[in-house]
Amino acid sequence: MAFSLELDLSGHCIQTEIKRLHNRAVSRYFRSDPETRQSLEQIIEVTRHALESLDFQYLRSRHAPLAGQSDAHVLLTQEDDRIGIVLDGRNIFPDQ
């Protein structure tokens, strides 16, 4: 099952944005009802996996919009157990 999260890189880099999404989802998880928890669990798992597995330094150096201060449309995706990044409609990771 495919899952995607839109990333806002207008103020900070991809790594910071993913950390923010992760922390926000964890915080909301404990204050939410059981129905909402399932979607938050998915966000927590995808962001955790991305934080543990992506080489952010490489991604920022290879793709300038991922370094932040960008209005690019960026998605963090997961299909099966594979993390992906879509930058302005183009898969850039893992296919780079």
PDB file of N, CA and C in Angstrom:
ATOM      1  N   MET A   1       0.835  -1.182   0.000  1.00  0.00           N
ATOM      2  CA  MET A   1       0.000   0.000   0.000  1.00  0.00           C
ATOM      3  C   MET A   1       0.883   1.249   0.000  1.00  0.00           C
ATOM      4  N   ALA A   2       0.636   2.150  -0.906  1.00  0.00           N
ATOM      5  CA  ALA A   2       1.435   3.374  -1.020  1.00  0.00           C
ATOM      6  C   ALA A   2       0.914   4.435  -0.052  1.00  0.00           C
ATOM      7  N   PHE A   3       1.838   5.199   0.469  1.00  0.00           N
ATOM      8  CA  PHE A   3       1.528   6.270   1.413  1.00  0.00           C
ATOM      9  C   PHE A   3       2.429   7.437   1.077  1.00  0.00           C
ATOM     10  N   SER A   4       1.923   8.669   1.172  1.00  0.00           N
ATOM     11  CA  SER A   4       2.778   9.819   0.916  1.00  0.00           C
ATOM     12  C   SER A   4       2.442  10.968   1.858  1.00  0.00           C
ATOM     13  N   LEU A   5       3.479  11.746   2.155  1.00  0.00           N
ATOM     14  CA  LEU A   5       3.358  12.940   2.994  1.00  0.00           C
ATOM     15  C   LEU A   5       3.933  14.113   2.223  1.00  0.00           C
ATOM     16  N   GLU A   6       3.217  15.210   2.192  1.00  0.00           N
ATOM     17  CA  GLU A   6       3.730  16.423   1.555  1.00  0.00           C
ATOM     18  C   GLU A   6       4.662  17.126   2.531  1.00  0.00           C
ATOM     19  N   LEU A   7       5.816  17.561   2.023  1.00  0.00           N
ATOM     20  CA  LEU A   7       6.814  18.231   2.851  1.00  0.00           C
ATOM     21  C   LEU A   7       6.861  19.708   2.487  1.00  0.00           C
ATOM     22  N   ASP A   8       6.897  20.566   3.495  1.00  0.00           N
ATOM     23  CA  ASP A   8       7.011  22.008   3.311  1.00  0.00           C
ATOM     24  C   ASP A   8       8.462  22.406   3.570  1.00  0.00           C
ATOM     25  N   LEU A   9       9.197  22.693   2.508  1.00  0.00           N
ATOM     26  CA  LEU A   9      10.610  23.040   2.638  1.00  0.00           C
ATOM     27  C   LEU A   9      10.845  24.536   2.461  1.00  0.00           C
ATOM     28  N   SER A  10       9.813  25.334   2.696  1.00  0.00           N
ATOM     29  CA  SER A  10       9.957  26.778   2.523  1.00  0.00           C
ATOM     30  C   SER A  10      10.819  27.410   3.614  1.00  0.00           C
ATOM     31  N   GLY A  11      10.914  26.785   4.768  1.00  0.00           N
ATOM     32  CA  GLY A  11      11.662  27.391   5.853  1.00  0.00           C
ATOM     33  C   GLY A  11      12.830  26.583   6.368  1.00  0.00           C
ATOM     34  N   HIS A  12      12.932  25.326   5.952  1.00  0.00           N
ATOM     35  CA  HIS A  12      13.988  24.465   6.471  1.00  0.00           C
ATOM     36  C   HIS A  12      14.202  23.280   5.546  1.00  0.00           C
ATOM     37  N   CYS A  13      15.228  22.495   5.830  1.00  0.00           N
ATOM     38  CA  CYS A  13      15.620  21.380   4.959  1.00  0.00           C
ATOM     39  C   CYS A  13      14.713  20.163   5.155  1.00  0.00           C
ATOM     40  N   ILE A  14      14.905  19.192   4.305  1.00  0.00           N
ATOM     41  CA  ILE A  14      14.095  17.977   4.323  1.00  0.00           C
ATOM     42  C   ILE A  14      14.222  17.229   5.648  1.00  0.00           C
ATOM     43  N   GLN A  15      15.413  17.158   6.206  1.00  0.00           N
ATOM     44  CA  GLN A  15      15.609  16.424   7.452  1.00  0.00           C
ATOM     45  C   GLN A  15      14.839  17.087   8.601  1.00  0.00           C
ATOM     46  N   THR A  16      14.915  18.392   8.696  1.00  0.00           N
ATOM     47  CA  THR A  16      14.206  19.121   9.742  1.00  0.00           C
ATOM     48  C   THR A  16      12.702  18.966   9.579  1.00  0.00           C
ATOM     49  N   GLU A  17      12.206  19.047   8.347  1.00  0.00           N
ATOM     50  CA  GLU A  17      10.771  18.900   8.095  1.00  0.00           C
ATOM     51  C   GLU A  17      10.285  17.512   8.486  1.00  0.00           C
ATOM     52  N   ILE A  18      11.032  16.481   8.154  1.00  0.00           N
ATOM     53  CA  ILE A  18      10.620  15.122   8.518  1.00  0.00           C
ATOM     54  C   ILE A  18      10.638  14.959  10.037  1.00  0.00           C
ATOM     55  N   LYS A  19      11.645  15.514  10.712  1.00  0.00           N
ATOM     56  CA  LYS A  19      11.684  15.469  12.187  1.00  0.00           C
ATOM     57  C   LYS A  19      10.474  16.184  12.775  1.00  0.00           C
ATOM     58  N   ARG A  20      10.136  17.326  12.221  1.00  0.00           N
ATOM     59  CA  ARG A  20       8.979  18.086  12.718  1.00  0.00           C
ATOM     60  C   ARG A  20       7.691  17.297  12.547  1.00  0.00           C
ATOM     61  N   LEU A  21       7.501  16.690  11.390  1.00  0.00           N
ATOM     62  CA  LEU A  21       6.299  15.881  11.157  1.00  0.00           C
ATOM     63  C   LEU A  21       6.241  14.705  12.133  1.00  0.00           C
ATOM     64  N   HIS A  22       7.384  14.069  12.345  1.00  0.00           N
ATOM     65  CA  HIS A  22       7.454  12.932  13.260  1.00  0.00           C
ATOM     66  C   HIS A  22       7.083  13.372  14.684  1.00  0.00           C
ATOM     67  N   ASN A  23       7.728  14.412  15.173  1.00  0.00           N
ATOM     68  CA  ASN A  23       7.476  14.885  16.537  1.00  0.00           C
ATOM     69  C   ASN A  23       6.035  15.349  16.724  1.00  0.00           C
ATOM     70  N   ARG A  24       5.498  16.016  15.731  1.00  0.00           N
ATOM     71  CA  ARG A  24       4.110  16.486  15.799  1.00  0.00           C
ATOM     72  C   ARG A  24       3.145  15.298  15.863  1.00  0.00           C
ATOM     73  N   ALA A  25       3.395  14.268  15.057  1.00  0.00           N
ATOM     74  CA  ALA A  25       2.520  13.089  15.050  1.00  0.00           C
ATOM     75  C   ALA A  25       2.599  12.344  16.381  1.00  0.00           C
ATOM     76  N   VAL A  26       3.796  12.213  16.952  1.00  0.00           N
ATOM     77  CA  VAL A  26       3.948  11.549  18.252  1.00  0.00           C
ATOM     78  C   VAL A  26       3.192  12.325  19.320  1.00  0.00           C
ATOM     79  N   SER A  27       3.330  13.627  19.322  1.00  0.00           N
ATOM     80  CA  SER A  27       2.652  14.467  20.308  1.00  0.00           C
ATOM     81  C   SER A  27       1.132  14.349  20.184  1.00  0.00           C
ATOM     82  N   ARG A  28       0.638  14.385  18.970  1.00  0.00           N
ATOM     83  CA  ARG A  28      -0.809  14.289  18.738  1.00  0.00           C
ATOM     84  C   ARG A  28      -1.343  12.898  19.056  1.00  0.00           C
ATOM     85  N   TYR A  29      -0.530  11.887  18.874  1.00  0.00           N
ATOM     86  CA  TYR A  29      -0.950  10.498  19.076  1.00  0.00           C
ATOM     87  C   TYR A  29      -1.540  10.296  20.473  1.00  0.00           C
ATOM     88  N   PHE A  30      -0.889  10.819  21.475  1.00  0.00           N
ATOM     89  CA  PHE A  30      -1.309  10.585  22.848  1.00  0.00           C
ATOM     90  C   PHE A  30      -2.524  11.417  23.258  1.00  0.00           C
ATOM     91  N   ARG A  31      -2.892  12.373  22.423  1.00  0.00           N
ATOM     92  CA  ARG A  31      -4.067  13.195  22.709  1.00  0.00           C
ATOM     93  C   ARG A  31      -5.234  12.867  21.782  1.00  0.00           C
ATOM     94  N   SER A  32      -5.086  11.872  20.950  1.00  0.00           N
ATOM     95  CA  SER A  32      -6.093  11.613  19.930  1.00  0.00           C
ATOM     96  C   SER A  32      -6.995  10.437  20.302  1.00  0.00           C
ATOM     97  N   ASP A  33      -8.093  10.365  19.569  1.00  0.00           N
ATOM     98  CA  ASP A  33      -9.008   9.243  19.752  1.00  0.00           C
ATOM     99  C   ASP A  33      -8.487   8.042  18.957  1.00  0.00           C
ATOM    100  N   PRO A  34      -8.984   6.852  19.257  1.00  0.00           N
ATOM    101  CA  PRO A  34      -8.486   5.634  18.595  1.00  0.00           C
ATOM    102  C   PRO A  34      -8.594   5.655  17.067  1.00  0.00           C
ATOM    103  N   GLU A  35      -9.598   6.320  16.529  1.00  0.00           N
ATOM    104  CA  GLU A  35      -9.763   6.367  15.073  1.00  0.00           C
ATOM    105  C   GLU A  35      -8.642   7.165  14.411  1.00  0.00           C
ATOM    106  N   THR A  36      -8.204   8.226  15.045  1.00  0.00           N
ATOM    107  CA  THR A  36      -7.150   9.082  14.506  1.00  0.00           C
ATOM    108  C   THR A  36      -5.778   8.438  14.678  1.00  0.00           C
ATOM    109  N   ARG A  37      -5.637   7.616  15.685  1.00  0.00           N
ATOM    110  CA  ARG A  37      -4.330   7.023  15.992  1.00  0.00           C
ATOM    111  C   ARG A  37      -3.778   6.187  14.841  1.00  0.00           C
ATOM    112  N   GLN A  38      -4.635   5.513  14.091  1.00  0.00           N
ATOM    113  CA  GLN A  38      -4.156   4.676  12.997  1.00  0.00           C
ATOM    114  C   GLN A  38      -3.412   5.505  11.951  1.00  0.00           C
ATOM    115  N   SER A  39      -3.958   6.649  11.559  1.00  0.00           N
ATOM    116  CA  SER A  39      -3.266   7.475  10.562  1.00  0.00           C
ATOM    117  C   SER A  39      -1.994   8.077  11.152  1.00  0.00           C
ATOM    118  N   LEU A  40      -2.034   8.447  12.436  1.00  0.00           N
ATOM    119  CA  LEU A  40      -0.831   8.975  13.086  1.00  0.00           C
ATOM    120  C   LEU A  40       0.254   7.906  13.191  1.00  0.00           C
ATOM    121  N   GLU A  41      -0.140   6.670  13.455  1.00  0.00           N
ATOM    122  CA  GLU A  41       0.834   5.572  13.506  1.00  0.00           C
ATOM    123  C   GLU A  41       1.554   5.425  12.177  1.00  0.00           C
ATOM    124  N   GLN A  42       0.817   5.578  11.086  1.00  0.00           N
ATOM    125  CA  GLN A  42       1.422   5.468   9.762  1.00  0.00           C
ATOM    126  C   GLN A  42       2.427   6.604   9.535  1.00  0.00           C
ATOM    127  N   ILE A  43       2.073   7.821   9.910  1.00  0.00           N
ATOM    128  CA  ILE A  43       2.985   8.961   9.778  1.00  0.00           C
ATOM    129  C   ILE A  43       4.222   8.735  10.635  1.00  0.00           C
ATOM    130  N   ILE A  44       4.030   8.281  11.859  1.00  0.00           N
ATOM    131  CA  ILE A  44       5.156   8.027  12.764  1.00  0.00           C
ATOM    132  C   ILE A  44       6.087   6.977  12.173  1.00  0.00           C
ATOM    133  N   GLU A  45       5.535   5.912  11.655  1.00  0.00           N
ATOM    134  CA  GLU A  45       6.363   4.831  11.106  1.00  0.00           C
ATOM    135  C   GLU A  45       7.128   5.284   9.856  1.00  0.00           C
ATOM    136  N   VAL A  46       6.474   5.976   8.951  1.00  0.00           N
ATOM    137  CA  VAL A  46       7.131   6.421   7.713  1.00  0.00           C
ATOM    138  C   VAL A  46       8.231   7.432   8.024  1.00  0.00           C
ATOM    139  N   THR A  47       7.950   8.384   8.893  1.00  0.00           N
ATOM    140  CA  THR A  47       8.967   9.391   9.213  1.00  0.00           C
ATOM    141  C   THR A  47      10.132   8.779   9.990  1.00  0.00           C
ATOM    142  N   ARG A  48       9.838   7.846  10.889  1.00  0.00           N
ATOM    143  CA  ARG A  48      10.907   7.165  11.625  1.00  0.00           C
ATOM    144  C   ARG A  48      11.819   6.407  10.666  1.00  0.00           C
ATOM    145  N   HIS A  49      11.200   5.686   9.753  1.00  0.00           N
ATOM    146  CA  HIS A  49      11.962   4.923   8.769  1.00  0.00           C
ATOM    147  C   HIS A  49      12.832   5.856   7.920  1.00  0.00           C
ATOM    148  N   ALA A  50      12.269   6.981   7.498  1.00  0.00           N
ATOM    149  CA  ALA A  50      13.027   7.947   6.694  1.00  0.00           C
ATOM    150  C   ALA A  50      14.194   8.525   7.494  1.00  0.00           C
ATOM    151  N   LEU A  51      13.949   8.897   8.737  1.00  0.00           N
ATOM    152  CA  LEU A  51      15.018   9.475   9.567  1.00  0.00           C
ATOM    153  C   LEU A  51      16.154   8.492   9.800  1.00  0.00           C
ATOM    154  N   GLU A  52      15.830   7.218   9.892  1.00  0.00           N
ATOM    155  CA  GLU A  52      16.847   6.205  10.150  1.00  0.00           C
ATOM    156  C   GLU A  52      17.587   5.762   8.884  1.00  0.00           C
ATOM    157  N   SER A  53      16.979   5.915   7.727  1.00  0.00           N
ATOM    158  CA  SER A  53      17.569   5.300   6.539  1.00  0.00           C
ATOM    159  C   SER A  53      18.084   6.261   5.464  1.00  0.00           C
ATOM    160  N   LEU A  54      17.609   7.493   5.439  1.00  0.00           N
ATOM    161  CA  LEU A  54      18.022   8.404   4.371  1.00  0.00           C
ATOM    162  C   LEU A  54      19.355   9.084   4.681  1.00  0.00           C
ATOM    163  N   ASP A  55      20.138   9.302   3.628  1.00  0.00           N
ATOM    164  CA  ASP A  55      21.386  10.060   3.731  1.00  0.00           C
ATOM    165  C   ASP A  55      21.055  11.506   3.369  1.00  0.00           C
ATOM    166  N   PHE A  56      20.680  12.282   4.383  1.00  0.00           N
ATOM    167  CA  PHE A  56      20.209  13.643   4.154  1.00  0.00           C
ATOM    168  C   PHE A  56      21.286  14.552   3.588  1.00  0.00           C
ATOM    169  N   GLN A  57      22.507  14.393   4.036  1.00  0.00           N
ATOM    170  CA  GLN A  57      23.592  15.233   3.520  1.00  0.00           C
ATOM    171  C   GLN A  57      23.747  15.032   2.013  1.00  0.00           C
ATOM    172  N   TYR A  58      23.716  13.791   1.577  1.00  0.00           N
ATOM    173  CA  TYR A  58      23.817  13.489   0.152  1.00  0.00           C
ATOM    174  C   TYR A  58      22.625  14.088  -0.607  1.00  0.00           C
ATOM    175  N   LEU A  59      21.419  13.885  -0.095  1.00  0.00           N
ATOM    176  CA  LEU A  59      20.223  14.381  -0.775  1.00  0.00           C
ATOM    177  C   LEU A  59      20.236  15.899  -0.896  1.00  0.00           C
ATOM    178  N   ARG A  60      20.625  16.597   0.172  1.00  0.00           N
ATOM    179  CA  ARG A  60      20.676  18.071   0.126  1.00  0.00           C
ATOM    180  C   ARG A  60      21.733  18.565  -0.856  1.00  0.00           C
ATOM    181  N   SER A  61      22.860  17.874  -0.924  1.00  0.00           N
ATOM    182  CA  SER A  61      23.920  18.322  -1.831  1.00  0.00           C
ATOM    183  C   SER A  61      23.579  18.024  -3.287  1.00  0.00           C
ATOM    184  N   ARG A  62      22.862  16.973  -3.535  1.00  0.00           N
ATOM    185  CA  ARG A  62      22.525  16.573  -4.911  1.00  0.00           C
ATOM    186  C   ARG A  62      21.289  17.300  -5.450  1.00  0.00           C
ATOM    187  N   HIS A  63      20.385  17.673  -4.579  1.00  0.00           N
ATOM    188  CA  HIS A  63      19.117  18.298  -4.988  1.00  0.00           C
ATOM    189  C   HIS A  63      18.899  19.550  -4.136  1.00  0.00           C
ATOM    190  N   ALA A  64      19.266  20.693  -4.661  1.00  0.00           N
ATOM    191  CA  ALA A  64      19.245  21.961  -3.923  1.00  0.00           C
ATOM    192  C   ALA A  64      17.910  22.269  -3.245  1.00  0.00           C
ATOM    193  N   PRO A  65      16.762  22.005  -3.856  1.00  0.00           N
ATOM    194  CA  PRO A  65      15.502  22.316  -3.173  1.00  0.00           C
ATOM    195  C   PRO A  65      15.348  21.599  -1.827  1.00  0.00           C
ATOM    196  N   LEU A  66      15.997  20.465  -1.657  1.00  0.00           N
ATOM    197  CA  LEU A  66      15.874  19.718  -0.404  1.00  0.00           C
ATOM    198  C   LEU A  66      16.654  20.364   0.736  1.00  0.00           C
ATOM    199  N   ALA A  67      17.499  21.333   0.410  1.00  0.00           N
ATOM    200  CA  ALA A  67      18.264  22.051   1.430  1.00  0.00           C
ATOM    201  C   ALA A  67      17.416  23.127   2.110  1.00  0.00           C
ATOM    202  N   GLY A  68      16.241  23.382   1.604  1.00  0.00           N
ATOM    203  CA  GLY A  68      15.336  24.334   2.229  1.00  0.00           C
ATOM    204  C   GLY A  68      15.247  25.648   1.494  1.00  0.00           C
ATOM    205  N   GLN A  69      14.412  26.544   2.031  1.00  0.00           N
ATOM    206  CA  GLN A  69      14.133  27.836   1.401  1.00  0.00           C
ATOM    207  C   GLN A  69      13.645  27.609  -0.033  1.00  0.00           C
ATOM    208  N   SER A  70      12.794  26.614  -0.193  1.00  0.00           N
ATOM    209  CA  SER A  70      12.348  26.202  -1.518  1.00  0.00           C
ATOM    210  C   SER A  70      10.825  26.124  -1.566  1.00  0.00           C
ATOM    211  N   ASP A  71      10.272  26.444  -2.731  1.00  0.00           N
ATOM    212  CA  ASP A  71       8.832  26.268  -2.922  1.00  0.00           C
ATOM    213  C   ASP A  71       8.528  25.034  -3.780  1.00  0.00           C
ATOM    214  N   ALA A  72       9.511  24.158  -3.906  1.00  0.00           N
ATOM    215  CA  ALA A  72       9.336  22.922  -4.672  1.00  0.00           C
ATOM    216  C   ALA A  72       8.264  22.042  -4.015  1.00  0.00           C
ATOM    217  N   HIS A  73       7.580  21.272  -4.829  1.00  0.00           N
ATOM    218  CA  HIS A  73       6.588  20.315  -4.333  1.00  0.00           C
ATOM    219  C   HIS A  73       7.322  19.006  -4.044  1.00  0.00           C
ATOM    220  N   VAL A  74       7.402  18.639  -2.757  1.00  0.00           N
ATOM    221  CA  VAL A  74       8.172  17.468  -2.337  1.00  0.00           C
ATOM    222  C   VAL A  74       7.269  16.517  -1.560  1.00  0.00           C
ATOM    223  N   LEU A  75       7.335  15.242  -1.923  1.00  0.00           N
ATOM    224  CA  LEU A  75       6.593  14.202  -1.223  1.00  0.00           C
ATOM    225  C   LEU A  75       7.557  13.168  -0.662  1.00  0.00           C
ATOM    226  N   LEU A  76       7.293  12.727   0.549  1.00  0.00           N
ATOM    227  CA  LEU A  76       7.965  11.577   1.137  1.00  0.00           C
ATOM    228  C   LEU A  76       6.987  10.424   0.961  1.00  0.00           C
ATOM    229  N   THR A  77       7.430   9.353   0.316  1.00  0.00           N
ATOM    230  CA  THR A  77       6.535   8.242   0.023  1.00  0.00           C
ATOM    231  C   THR A  77       7.059   6.952   0.634  1.00  0.00           C
ATOM    232  N   GLN A  78       6.143   6.027   0.820  1.00  0.00           N
ATOM    233  CA  GLN A  78       6.526   4.675   1.217  1.00  0.00           C
ATOM    234  C   GLN A  78       5.593   3.708   0.520  1.00  0.00           C
ATOM    235  N   GLU A  79       6.195   2.746  -0.145  1.00  0.00           N
ATOM    236  CA  GLU A  79       5.441   1.673  -0.775  1.00  0.00           C
ATOM    237  C   GLU A  79       6.107   0.382  -0.355  1.00  0.00           C
ATOM    238  N   ASP A  80       5.312  -0.524   0.174  1.00  0.00           N
ATOM    239  CA  ASP A  80       5.823  -1.716   0.839  1.00  0.00           C
ATOM    240  C   ASP A  80       6.742  -1.224   1.951  1.00  0.00           C
ATOM    241  N   ASP A  81       8.027  -1.510   1.883  1.00  0.00           N
ATOM    242  CA  ASP A  81       8.930  -1.029   2.929  1.00  0.00           C
ATOM    243  C   ASP A  81       9.992  -0.095   2.357  1.00  0.00           C
ATOM    244  N   ARG A  82       9.705   0.489   1.189  1.00  0.00           N
ATOM    245  CA  ARG A  82      10.679   1.359   0.517  1.00  0.00           C
ATOM    246  C   ARG A  82      10.286   2.818   0.643  1.00  0.00           C
ATOM    247  N   ILE A  83      11.224   3.616   1.138  1.00  0.00           N
ATOM    248  CA  ILE A  83      11.033   5.060   1.235  1.00  0.00           C
ATOM    249  C   ILE A  83      11.408   5.683  -0.109  1.00  0.00           C
ATOM    250  N   GLY A  84      10.658   6.676  -0.527  1.00  0.00           N
ATOM    251  CA  GLY A  84      10.959   7.391  -1.754  1.00  0.00           C
ATOM    252  C   GLY A  84      10.773   8.889  -1.564  1.00  0.00           C
ATOM    253  N   ILE A  85      11.362   9.647  -2.472  1.00  0.00           N
ATOM    254  CA  ILE A  85      11.197  11.096  -2.475  1.00  0.00           C
ATOM    255  C   ILE A  85      10.814  11.513  -3.884  1.00  0.00           C
ATOM    256  N   VAL A  86       9.766  12.310  -3.977  1.00  0.00           N
ATOM    257  CA  VAL A  86       9.304  12.845  -5.258  1.00  0.00           C
ATOM    258  C   VAL A  86       9.492  14.353  -5.195  1.00  0.00           C
ATOM    259  N   LEU A  87      10.260  14.880  -6.129  1.00  0.00           N
ATOM    260  CA  LEU A  87      10.565  16.312  -6.200  1.00  0.00           C
ATOM    261  C   LEU A  87       9.964  16.865  -7.482  1.00  0.00           C
ATOM    262  N   ASP A  88       8.980  17.741  -7.330  1.00  0.00           N
ATOM    263  CA  ASP A  88       8.295  18.339  -8.480  1.00  0.00           C
ATOM    264  C   ASP A  88       7.852  17.285  -9.486  1.00  0.00           C
ATOM    265  N   GLY A  89       7.247  16.207  -8.971  1.00  0.00           N
ATOM    266  CA  GLY A  89       6.689  15.169  -9.822  1.00  0.00           C
ATOM    267  C   GLY A  89       7.660  14.130 -10.335  1.00  0.00           C
ATOM    268  N   ARG A  90       8.928  14.231  -9.949  1.00  0.00           N
ATOM    269  CA  ARG A  90       9.960  13.312 -10.424  1.00  0.00           C
ATOM    270  C   ARG A  90      10.503  12.495  -9.263  1.00  0.00           C
ATOM    271  N   ASN A  91      10.517  11.165  -9.408  1.00  0.00           N
ATOM    272  CA  ASN A  91      11.130  10.322  -8.394  1.00  0.00           C
ATOM    273  C   ASN A  91      12.634  10.577  -8.371  1.00  0.00           C
ATOM    274  N   ILE A  92      13.143  11.012  -7.223  1.00  0.00           N
ATOM    275  CA  ILE A  92      14.593  11.243  -7.147  1.00  0.00           C
ATOM    276  C   ILE A  92      15.273  10.273  -6.197  1.00  0.00           C
ATOM    277  N   PHE A  93      14.482   9.600  -5.399  1.00  0.00           N
ATOM    278  CA  PHE A  93      15.039   8.598  -4.484  1.00  0.00           C
ATOM    279  C   PHE A  93      14.017   7.513  -4.316  1.00  0.00           C
ATOM    280  N   PRO A  94      14.378   6.278  -4.429  1.00  0.00           N
ATOM    281  CA  PRO A  94      15.724   5.743  -4.496  1.00  0.00           C
ATOM    282  C   PRO A  94      16.308   5.694  -5.887  1.00  0.00           C
ATOM    283  N   ASP A  95      15.557   6.106  -6.897  1.00  0.00           N
ATOM    284  CA  ASP A  95      16.035   5.956  -8.280  1.00  0.00           C
ATOM    285  C   ASP A  95      17.043   7.003  -8.723  1.00  0.00           C
ATOM    286  N   GLN A  96      17.121   8.099  -8.067  1.00  0.00           N
ATOM    287  CA  GLN A  96      18.041   9.206  -8.331  1.00  0.00           C
ATOM    288  C   GLN A  96      18.418   9.253  -9.785  1.00  0.00           C
TER     289      GLN A  96
END
